[in-house]
Structure formats: structure tokens, C-alpha cells
Amino acid sequence: MGARGKALKAVVGYWPLLAIPPIAAVLHLILVLIGTPWTASEWASNIVFAYVVTVATVLLSRRQAQLQESVASSELVEKIAAVTGALDALRAHCEASVGQQILIDARAGLHLLRYADPVSRREYLETLRLAARRLFDLVTGSVRPYTYWSRDEWVALARATEKLAGELDAQVRDRADRESTEFLELRLFLRDLRRASGPGDAVPFEPFERSFRRGEIGQRIRAHLNWELLRKHVESGTGRITVHREWSIAWLEEHEVFSVWYTTPEKVLAAYDSAGARPIRFSEIDDYYDGLPEHSRATIDSMADALQLRPHATLPQVEIVTLQLSRKQLLVIDGNHRMSAIRRNRPHRSGPVPATIVEYRIDAPLDPDLLPDLRHHQQVETPA
């Protein structure tokens, strides 16, 4: 607001003074009609008294408004600090409860907006816009929330988002605020967040792709997966991606798990498209370990040693991506070295390393166009 606007606002605040002359004239007419008019001195004293009281009331009201604005602005700063701190915790821990707390803290400051100064209002709306953007990026840019958050936590997040969006429209009434970039983008992010925070049991394609196709090198699927065909299957409902958490020993006993490594009938490692090549099961990885490239053996041994270190007596966690071949058969398309490290027998132990397996399982038509390796698994079935 410019100097001219502030001056105009200050003058408008004294509008009750303009009402005194008309009111005095009406009162004079009434007194004349009833035969008890005031004297000139009475008129002067009453008019002066009315102006003094009105000015004092306006000044007191303005002082009260300034005090209220100062208190509201100070409380908004505290809310900004709370939301910003929670965003740091969300980045560090990816917990659903932290996301819910961010939305609750955001709602707690909305009723202060009508009383705070414009700068504080704008800063608060910008903080909420950033929070909504971070939450949206989290649930659409990574598989982590789908891995660790329960259905109840997703429902709670969706409700908190809905309540914040509703109260935002109810509480933000200043025209300048409603037309600001911060407010408009905040509404858009909340709308998108509401749409993204109600998943079923399946992982949406976008966060899966961003984690395993566009993510860090260690998280990328290196098998020749046809991502666009997988997208079509997931979006059309002919395919889905689900998360399973299993204990490694039980999981390996209950499933026949194949690698994307191949052997010839002479037990020589070969490419998937070699004549007579067949996929190696992890249950037989020891038989082919010595034939693996040196760097693969070093990676497997290093992972096996790391998995046997259990800080605070917790099970190590291993993430893999599989393609479901049948009810009890799976093909590991990402995590072959990790699975080998779990399964491989070594002189100082026997049996698999106990570990929690987080499995992202793709269930889609077994079409070699989706993955060339599937030409080896078209006839693979396990009796029910």
C-alpha cells in the first residue's frame, strides 16, 4: 500500500465525525418541536463533547487494531517456524505423521490472516505453498510413502488436506491475498495433493518410474523394461504395481525366484538371447557364483557382509523389483546382486541371511515386448 493509500485509509477512519452535524440538526429539530431547545452555549459544549468522544473512540479503535495486528503477525511468525521445522523433519524421516502435522499447523494459523499485516500474510501463504508443494512432490516423486505409510495414514493425510483447503477459502478474504501468486498456487497444490493422497493398494506409475527409472543410479532398473508399455498397462488396469514386505527366509521358501542371469546347458554363463540359455534361480546361485564376473562377485560378497551387520538388533532391509510370473514364481528385474547376497551360502554360515525384503511387484501380461527376458518364462507355471 502506497503513501496515498495509507493517508486515505487514515482519513476514512474518521468518518464518524461527518455524522455529527446531521445528527445535531435532527436533534435540534426534535427539541424545537417539543419546546425545549438548547441554548447556544449548550449546543457548543455538546458538539465539542461529541467531537472529542468520537476522536478518542477512533484513536482507541485504531490503537486496538494496531495491537491486534502486531499480535497476529507475531503468532503467524511462530506458525511459519513450526511448519518450516516440520518440513525439515519430513525431508529427514518421510513419516506420514509429520505430513499430517504440517497440514494441522497450517490450519492453525489461517484465522490470524485477517488481523495480520500484509507482509506477514504473504509470508505465511508462501510458507503454506512451499509445504503443499513438498508434500505433493513426496507422494508423487517417490515410492517411499507407498512403502511405509499405512492405509489409515493415507486417509488421515487426505482428510487433513481437505480441511486445509476448505478453511483456506473461508479465512483468506482480503482481495490482494486471494489474487496473489502464493494463494493461487497454494490452492492448486492442495487440489493436486488431495487427488494424490488417496491411493489404494497399488503404487501409481509416476512415483515408481521416478524412483526406478529416473532416480539415483543405485535405484535404477537396468533390465530392458519397456516403460511406456508398463505405463499403458498400469493406466488401463491390465497391470499393477504393489508393495510387499517379507522376511527373507520365508519369502525364499515360498517362492521360486529367478534372476536375469542365464546359463547354457553346459552350465556356462550366457546372455539372455544365447541359444539354449535358461534363467538361473537364486536357489542355485552357489553353483554359478564362480562363473560370475569378478566385479559382480565382489559386489555380492560386500553386500553379504553388510547385511550381516545388525545395528540395534534390527533386520537389514533389502529393496527389490520383481515381475510376477505366476502365483509362486517371480523374476527379479532389479536387485539381483542383493538377492544373491541374501541367498548365497558361505563357509561361516548356512542358509539365507535374515533380512526384511521390500518387494515392488509388477503384475502385467507376460509379453516379451514388456521385457525381453520373458521369452524364457512364457511356459513357466507352478501348480496351484
Protein backbone atom coordinates (compact mmCIF):
# COMPACT_ATOMS: atom_id res chain seq x y z
CA MET A 1 0.00 0.00 0.00
CA GLY A 2 1.46 3.42 -1.04
CA ALA A 3 1.63 6.65 0.98
CA ARG A 4 -1.51 7.99 -0.69
CA GLY A 5 -3.42 4.80 0.15
CA LYS A 6 -2.35 4.92 3.78
CA ALA A 7 -3.34 8.60 4.05
CA LEU A 8 -6.74 7.87 2.52
CA LYS A 9 -7.25 4.96 4.92
CA ALA A 10 -6.40 7.20 7.88
CA VAL A 11 -8.89 9.87 6.76
CA VAL A 12 -11.63 7.32 6.13
CA GLY A 13 -11.15 6.06 9.68
CA TYR A 14 -12.57 9.37 10.98
CA TRP A 15 -15.84 9.14 9.03
CA PRO A 16 -17.97 9.26 12.27
CA LEU A 17 -17.05 12.96 12.57
CA LEU A 18 -19.03 13.64 9.40
CA ALA A 19 -22.15 12.17 11.01
CA ILE A 20 -22.18 14.60 13.93
CA PRO A 21 -23.60 17.69 12.10
CA PRO A 22 -26.57 15.82 10.53
CA ILE A 23 -27.36 14.13 13.85
CA ALA A 24 -27.17 17.51 15.65
CA ALA A 25 -29.56 19.07 13.12
CA VAL A 26 -32.12 16.28 13.59
CA LEU A 27 -31.80 16.57 17.36
CA HIS A 28 -32.28 20.36 17.14
CA LEU A 29 -35.50 19.90 15.15
CA ILE A 30 -36.83 17.45 17.73
CA LEU A 31 -36.05 19.81 20.62
CA VAL A 32 -37.74 22.71 18.83
CA LEU A 33 -40.86 20.64 18.24
CA ILE A 34 -41.14 19.68 21.90
CA GLY A 35 -40.47 23.22 23.04
CA THR A 36 -37.16 22.71 24.87
CA PRO A 37 -34.43 23.92 22.53
CA TRP A 38 -30.83 24.14 23.72
CA THR A 39 -29.10 27.42 24.23
CA ALA A 40 -26.13 28.41 22.07
CA SER A 41 -23.69 27.56 24.85
CA GLU A 42 -25.31 24.14 25.34
CA TRP A 43 -25.07 23.47 21.64
CA ALA A 44 -21.40 24.42 21.58
CA SER A 45 -20.47 22.31 24.58
CA ASN A 46 -22.42 19.27 23.33
CA ILE A 47 -20.95 19.49 19.84
CA VAL A 48 -17.42 19.80 21.20
CA PHE A 49 -18.02 16.90 23.57
CA ALA A 50 -19.33 14.75 20.72
CA TYR A 51 -16.27 15.50 18.57
CA VAL A 52 -13.87 14.81 21.43
CA VAL A 53 -15.54 11.48 22.29
CA THR A 54 -15.64 10.46 18.62
CA VAL A 55 -11.97 11.28 18.04
CA ALA A 56 -10.97 9.47 21.23
CA THR A 57 -13.01 6.43 20.19
CA VAL A 58 -11.46 6.37 16.71
CA LEU A 59 -7.95 6.70 18.13
CA LEU A 60 -8.58 3.95 20.67
CA SER A 61 -10.03 1.72 17.98
CA ARG A 62 -7.03 2.31 15.73
CA ARG A 63 -4.65 1.57 18.59
CA GLN A 64 -6.53 -1.63 19.36
CA ALA A 65 -6.38 -2.66 15.69
CA GLN A 66 -2.63 -1.99 15.58
CA LEU A 67 -2.10 -4.06 18.72
CA GLN A 68 -4.24 -6.87 17.30
CA GLU A 69 -2.29 -6.74 14.03
CA SER A 70 1.02 -6.90 15.89
CA VAL A 71 -0.06 -9.89 17.98
CA ALA A 72 -1.49 -11.72 14.94
CA SER A 73 1.66 -11.08 12.91
CA SER A 74 3.84 -12.35 15.76
CA GLU A 75 1.77 -15.54 16.06
CA LEU A 76 1.97 -16.06 12.30
CA VAL A 77 5.76 -15.97 12.54
CA GLU A 78 5.56 -18.77 15.12
CA LYS A 79 3.33 -20.81 12.81
CA ILE A 80 5.76 -20.26 9.94
CA ALA A 81 8.59 -21.56 12.13
CA ALA A 82 6.54 -24.62 13.13
CA VAL A 83 5.65 -25.51 9.52
CA THR A 84 9.23 -24.94 8.32
CA GLY A 85 10.62 -27.15 11.11
CA ALA A 86 8.15 -29.91 10.27
CA LEU A 87 9.19 -29.73 6.60
CA ASP A 88 12.79 -30.38 7.64
CA ALA A 89 11.65 -33.38 9.70
CA LEU A 90 9.61 -34.69 6.75
CA ARG A 91 12.63 -34.49 4.47
CA ALA A 92 14.69 -36.43 7.00
CA HIS A 93 12.21 -39.14 8.03
CA CYS A 94 9.36 -39.36 5.45
CA GLU A 95 6.78 -40.09 8.15
CA ALA A 96 3.06 -39.72 7.48
CA SER A 97 2.50 -38.24 10.94
CA VAL A 98 4.88 -35.39 10.10
CA GLY A 99 2.94 -34.64 6.92
CA GLN A 100 -0.30 -34.55 8.88
CA GLN A 101 1.27 -32.24 11.48
CA ILE A 102 2.34 -29.83 8.74
CA LEU A 103 -1.25 -29.56 7.49
CA ILE A 104 -2.61 -29.15 11.03
CA ASP A 105 -0.09 -26.40 11.83
CA ALA A 106 -1.01 -24.72 8.55
CA ARG A 107 -4.70 -24.66 9.51
CA ALA A 108 -3.89 -23.29 12.96
CA GLY A 109 -2.68 -20.00 11.53
CA LEU A 110 -5.37 -19.31 8.96
CA HIS A 111 -7.71 -17.48 11.37
CA LEU A 112 -4.93 -14.95 12.03
CA LEU A 113 -4.67 -13.83 8.42
CA ARG A 114 -7.49 -11.27 8.62
CA TYR A 115 -5.72 -9.50 11.50
CA ALA A 116 -2.05 -9.68 10.48
CA ASP A 117 -0.15 -7.15 8.39
CA PRO A 118 0.14 -7.72 4.61
CA VAL A 119 3.81 -8.74 4.74
CA SER A 120 3.18 -11.44 7.35
CA ARG A 121 0.12 -12.69 5.46
CA ARG A 122 2.11 -13.00 2.25
CA GLU A 123 4.98 -14.79 4.01
CA TYR A 124 2.57 -17.23 5.66
CA LEU A 125 0.82 -18.06 2.39
CA GLU A 126 4.22 -18.58 0.74
CA THR A 127 5.22 -21.00 3.54
CA LEU A 128 1.99 -22.96 3.08
CA ARG A 129 2.54 -23.04 -0.68
CA LEU A 130 6.01 -24.48 -0.13
CA ALA A 131 4.63 -27.07 2.34
CA ALA A 132 1.91 -28.22 -0.06
CA ARG A 133 4.46 -28.41 -2.90
CA ARG A 134 6.85 -30.51 -0.78
CA LEU A 135 4.07 -32.92 0.24
CA PHE A 136 2.88 -33.24 -3.34
CA ASP A 137 6.42 -33.89 -4.59
CA LEU A 138 6.86 -36.52 -1.89
CA VAL A 139 3.75 -38.56 -2.72
CA THR A 140 4.24 -38.30 -6.49
CA GLY A 141 8.03 -38.41 -6.75
CA SER A 142 8.98 -41.46 -4.70
CA VAL A 143 7.77 -44.91 -3.74
CA ARG A 144 8.76 -44.30 -0.10
CA PRO A 145 5.32 -43.19 1.16
CA TYR A 146 3.67 -46.20 -0.53
CA THR A 147 6.23 -48.44 1.14
CA TYR A 148 5.98 -47.19 4.69
CA TRP A 149 2.61 -45.46 5.16
CA SER A 150 -0.47 -47.44 6.16
CA ARG A 151 -3.89 -47.03 4.55
CA ASP A 152 -5.14 -45.23 7.68
CA GLU A 153 -2.27 -42.76 7.43
CA TRP A 154 -3.14 -42.04 3.80
CA VAL A 155 -6.77 -41.45 4.77
CA ALA A 156 -5.72 -39.09 7.58
CA LEU A 157 -3.48 -37.14 5.20
CA ALA A 158 -6.31 -36.80 2.67
CA ARG A 159 -8.69 -35.52 5.37
CA ALA A 160 -6.16 -33.00 6.66
CA THR A 161 -5.62 -31.75 3.11
CA GLU A 162 -9.38 -31.43 2.56
CA LYS A 163 -9.85 -29.44 5.78
CA LEU A 164 -6.97 -27.10 5.00
CA ALA A 165 -8.33 -26.42 1.50
CA GLY A 166 -11.80 -25.67 2.87
CA GLU A 167 -10.62 -23.34 5.61
CA LEU A 168 -8.24 -21.58 3.24
CA ASP A 169 -11.13 -20.35 1.09
CA ALA A 170 -13.14 -19.41 4.18
CA GLN A 171 -10.40 -17.50 6.01
CA VAL A 172 -8.50 -15.72 3.22
CA ARG A 173 -10.83 -12.83 2.41
CA ASP A 174 -8.51 -9.96 1.53
CA ARG A 175 -8.73 -9.38 -2.21
CA ALA A 176 -4.99 -8.78 -2.58
CA ASP A 177 -4.27 -12.08 -0.81
CA ARG A 178 -6.75 -14.03 -2.93
CA GLU A 179 -5.24 -12.63 -6.12
CA SER A 180 -1.64 -13.26 -5.03
CA THR A 181 0.54 -15.87 -6.69
CA GLU A 182 1.12 -17.55 -3.32
CA PHE A 183 -2.60 -18.09 -2.71
CA LEU A 184 -3.42 -19.25 -6.23
CA GLU A 185 -0.53 -21.74 -6.37
CA LEU A 186 -1.34 -22.99 -2.85
CA ARG A 187 -4.88 -23.82 -3.94
CA LEU A 188 -3.58 -25.68 -6.99
CA PHE A 189 -1.08 -27.72 -4.96
CA LEU A 190 -3.75 -28.59 -2.38
CA ARG A 191 -6.08 -29.73 -5.15
CA ASP A 192 -3.37 -31.93 -6.66
CA LEU A 193 -2.36 -33.22 -3.22
CA ARG A 194 -5.95 -34.27 -2.48
CA ARG A 195 -6.01 -36.25 -5.73
CA ALA A 196 -2.66 -37.89 -5.00
CA SER A 197 -3.21 -38.74 -1.32
CA GLY A 198 -5.86 -41.40 -1.69
CA PRO A 199 -4.10 -44.48 -3.07
CA GLY A 200 -5.41 -47.99 -2.91
CA ASP A 201 -3.14 -50.99 -2.51
CA ALA A 202 -1.28 -50.26 -5.76
CA VAL A 203 1.63 -47.88 -6.35
CA PRO A 204 0.90 -45.30 -9.09
CA PHE A 205 3.11 -45.46 -12.14
CA GLU A 206 4.62 -41.97 -11.79
CA PRO A 207 6.37 -42.38 -8.41
CA PHE A 208 7.51 -45.87 -9.40
CA GLU A 209 9.02 -44.57 -12.62
CA ARG A 210 10.69 -41.63 -10.90
CA SER A 211 12.26 -43.91 -8.29
CA PHE A 212 13.45 -46.74 -10.52
CA ARG A 213 13.89 -45.14 -13.94
CA ARG A 214 14.84 -41.55 -13.16
CA GLY A 215 16.15 -41.93 -9.62
CA GLU A 216 19.68 -42.29 -8.38
CA ILE A 217 22.00 -44.72 -10.17
CA GLY A 218 21.70 -47.27 -7.36
CA GLN A 219 17.91 -47.34 -7.72
CA ARG A 220 17.60 -47.64 -11.49
CA ILE A 221 16.27 -50.75 -13.18
CA ARG A 222 18.94 -51.81 -15.66
CA ALA A 223 16.94 -54.62 -17.26
CA HIS A 224 15.40 -53.73 -20.62
CA LEU A 225 11.97 -52.89 -19.22
CA ASN A 226 9.61 -51.21 -21.69
CA TRP A 227 8.50 -48.31 -19.51
CA GLU A 228 5.92 -46.93 -21.90
CA LEU A 229 4.23 -50.30 -22.27
CA LEU A 230 4.22 -50.69 -18.48
CA ARG A 231 2.62 -47.24 -18.21
CA LYS A 232 -0.15 -48.30 -20.60
CA HIS A 233 -0.81 -51.47 -18.62
CA VAL A 234 -0.96 -49.65 -15.27
CA GLU A 235 -3.13 -46.79 -16.55
CA SER A 236 -5.52 -49.16 -18.37
CA GLY A 237 -5.81 -51.50 -15.39
CA THR A 238 -4.27 -54.50 -17.13
CA GLY A 239 -1.20 -54.15 -14.90
CA ARG A 240 -0.48 -53.01 -11.37
CA ILE A 241 2.45 -52.43 -9.01
CA THR A 242 2.13 -53.46 -5.38
CA VAL A 243 4.41 -53.38 -2.34
CA HIS A 244 5.11 -56.48 -0.26
CA ARG A 245 7.19 -56.72 2.91
CA GLU A 246 8.55 -60.20 3.57
CA TRP A 247 11.02 -61.97 5.82
CA SER A 248 13.76 -63.22 3.52
CA ILE A 249 13.94 -66.85 4.63
CA ALA A 250 10.17 -67.40 4.48
CA TRP A 251 9.91 -65.49 1.21
CA LEU A 252 12.58 -67.58 -0.47
CA GLU A 253 10.95 -70.79 0.74
CA GLU A 254 7.51 -69.78 -0.51
CA HIS A 255 8.57 -68.54 -3.97
CA GLU A 256 10.61 -69.78 -6.88
CA VAL A 257 12.70 -66.71 -7.66
CA PHE A 258 14.54 -66.25 -10.96
CA SER A 259 17.41 -63.91 -11.78
CA VAL A 260 18.13 -62.15 -15.06
CA TRP A 261 21.35 -64.15 -15.33
CA TYR A 262 21.45 -67.10 -17.73
CA THR A 263 23.31 -70.36 -18.27
CA THR A 264 23.71 -72.74 -21.16
CA PRO A 265 23.05 -76.50 -20.87
CA GLU A 266 26.81 -76.82 -20.24
CA LYS A 267 26.43 -74.57 -17.16
CA VAL A 268 28.29 -71.70 -18.75
CA LEU A 269 27.02 -68.16 -18.11
CA ALA A 270 25.45 -66.65 -21.21
CA ALA A 271 23.43 -63.70 -22.47
CA TYR A 272 19.64 -63.96 -22.35
CA ASP A 273 19.44 -64.24 -26.14
CA SER A 274 22.03 -67.03 -26.44
CA ALA A 275 20.89 -70.32 -27.94
CA GLY A 276 19.61 -72.66 -25.25
CA ALA A 277 20.03 -70.12 -22.45
CA ARG A 278 17.88 -70.59 -19.36
CA PRO A 279 17.44 -68.29 -16.33
CA ILE A 280 19.30 -69.08 -13.10
CA ARG A 281 17.23 -69.48 -9.96
CA PHE A 282 18.55 -67.88 -6.77
CA SER A 283 18.27 -71.28 -5.09
CA GLU A 284 21.15 -72.40 -7.33
CA ILE A 285 23.24 -69.25 -7.25
CA ASP A 286 26.09 -71.06 -5.43
CA ASP A 287 26.52 -73.38 -8.42
CA TYR A 288 27.19 -70.46 -10.75
CA TYR A 289 28.84 -67.99 -8.40
CA ASP A 290 32.40 -68.69 -9.56
CA GLY A 291 31.39 -68.02 -13.16
CA LEU A 292 30.09 -64.52 -12.42
CA PRO A 293 32.28 -61.55 -13.42
CA GLU A 294 34.79 -60.53 -10.77
CA HIS A 295 33.08 -57.19 -10.08
CA SER A 296 29.74 -58.96 -9.54
CA ARG A 297 31.31 -61.42 -7.07
CA ALA A 298 32.95 -58.54 -5.19
CA THR A 299 29.63 -56.66 -5.02
CA ILE A 300 27.76 -59.73 -3.77
CA ASP A 301 30.36 -60.51 -1.07
CA SER A 302 30.43 -56.89 0.09
CA MET A 303 26.63 -56.79 0.32
CA ALA A 304 26.54 -60.12 2.18
CA ASP A 305 28.99 -58.80 4.78
CA ALA A 306 26.99 -55.58 5.18
CA LEU A 307 23.70 -57.44 5.57
CA GLN A 308 25.04 -59.48 8.46
CA LEU A 309 25.76 -56.34 10.47
CA ARG A 310 22.62 -55.70 12.53
CA PRO A 311 22.75 -52.36 14.34
CA HIS A 312 20.44 -52.26 17.34
CA ALA A 313 19.43 -55.87 16.64
CA THR A 314 17.23 -54.82 13.69
CA LEU A 315 16.95 -56.82 10.48
CA PRO A 316 18.65 -55.25 7.48
CA GLN A 317 16.28 -54.14 4.71
CA VAL A 318 16.67 -55.03 1.04
CA GLU A 319 14.60 -53.47 -1.75
CA ILE A 320 13.97 -55.34 -4.99
CA VAL A 321 11.70 -55.07 -8.02
CA THR A 322 10.07 -58.22 -9.35
CA LEU A 323 7.83 -59.28 -12.20
CA GLN A 324 5.21 -61.83 -11.26
CA LEU A 325 5.40 -64.92 -13.48
CA SER A 326 2.77 -66.97 -11.66
CA ARG A 327 1.29 -67.27 -8.19
CA LYS A 328 4.54 -68.59 -6.70
CA GLN A 329 7.12 -67.57 -9.30
CA LEU A 330 8.89 -64.23 -9.58
CA LEU A 331 11.57 -62.69 -11.77
CA VAL A 332 13.90 -60.17 -10.10
CA ILE A 333 14.49 -57.31 -12.54
CA ASP A 334 16.25 -55.05 -10.03
CA GLY A 335 18.24 -56.30 -7.04
CA ASN A 336 19.92 -59.43 -8.40
CA HIS A 337 23.15 -58.75 -6.54
CA ARG A 338 21.21 -58.07 -3.33
CA MET A 339 19.22 -61.28 -3.65
CA SER A 340 22.42 -63.21 -4.33
CA ALA A 341 23.96 -61.73 -1.19
CA ILE A 342 20.98 -62.92 0.85
CA ARG A 343 20.85 -66.39 -0.70
CA ARG A 344 24.50 -67.34 -1.19
CA ASN A 345 25.98 -69.89 1.24
CA ARG A 346 29.40 -69.03 2.66
CA PRO A 347 31.85 -71.00 4.83
CA HIS A 348 30.88 -69.23 8.06
CA ARG A 349 27.12 -69.66 7.68
CA SER A 350 24.50 -71.80 6.03
CA GLY A 351 21.16 -70.69 4.64
CA PRO A 352 19.94 -67.23 3.64
CA VAL A 353 20.77 -64.08 5.59
CA PRO A 354 17.73 -62.99 7.62
CA ALA A 355 16.54 -59.69 6.19
CA THR A 356 13.38 -57.75 5.52
CA ILE A 357 12.63 -57.74 1.81
CA VAL A 358 10.67 -54.80 0.44
CA GLU A 359 9.38 -56.07 -2.88
CA TYR A 360 7.86 -53.83 -5.55
CA ARG A 361 5.96 -56.40 -7.59
CA ILE A 362 4.82 -55.76 -11.17
CA ASP A 363 1.84 -57.84 -12.27
CA ALA A 364 1.27 -57.38 -16.01
CA PRO A 365 0.75 -59.52 -19.13
CA LEU A 366 3.84 -61.66 -19.74
CA ASP A 367 4.71 -60.09 -23.07
CA PRO A 368 8.33 -60.13 -24.31
CA ASP A 369 7.65 -56.61 -25.58
CA LEU A 370 7.47 -55.60 -21.92
CA LEU A 371 10.72 -57.37 -21.03
CA PRO A 372 12.80 -59.45 -23.49
CA ASP A 373 13.65 -61.93 -20.69
CA LEU A 374 10.01 -63.02 -20.63
CA ARG A 375 10.52 -65.16 -23.69
CA HIS A 376 12.17 -67.63 -21.26
CA HIS A 377 9.17 -67.66 -18.93
CA GLN A 378 6.10 -67.93 -21.15
CA GLN A 379 5.57 -71.58 -20.26
CA VAL A 380 6.73 -71.34 -16.64
CA GLU A 381 3.87 -72.17 -14.31
CA THR A 382 3.59 -73.58 -10.82
CA PRO A 383 0.59 -75.76 -9.91
CA ALA A 384 -1.80 -74.07 -7.52
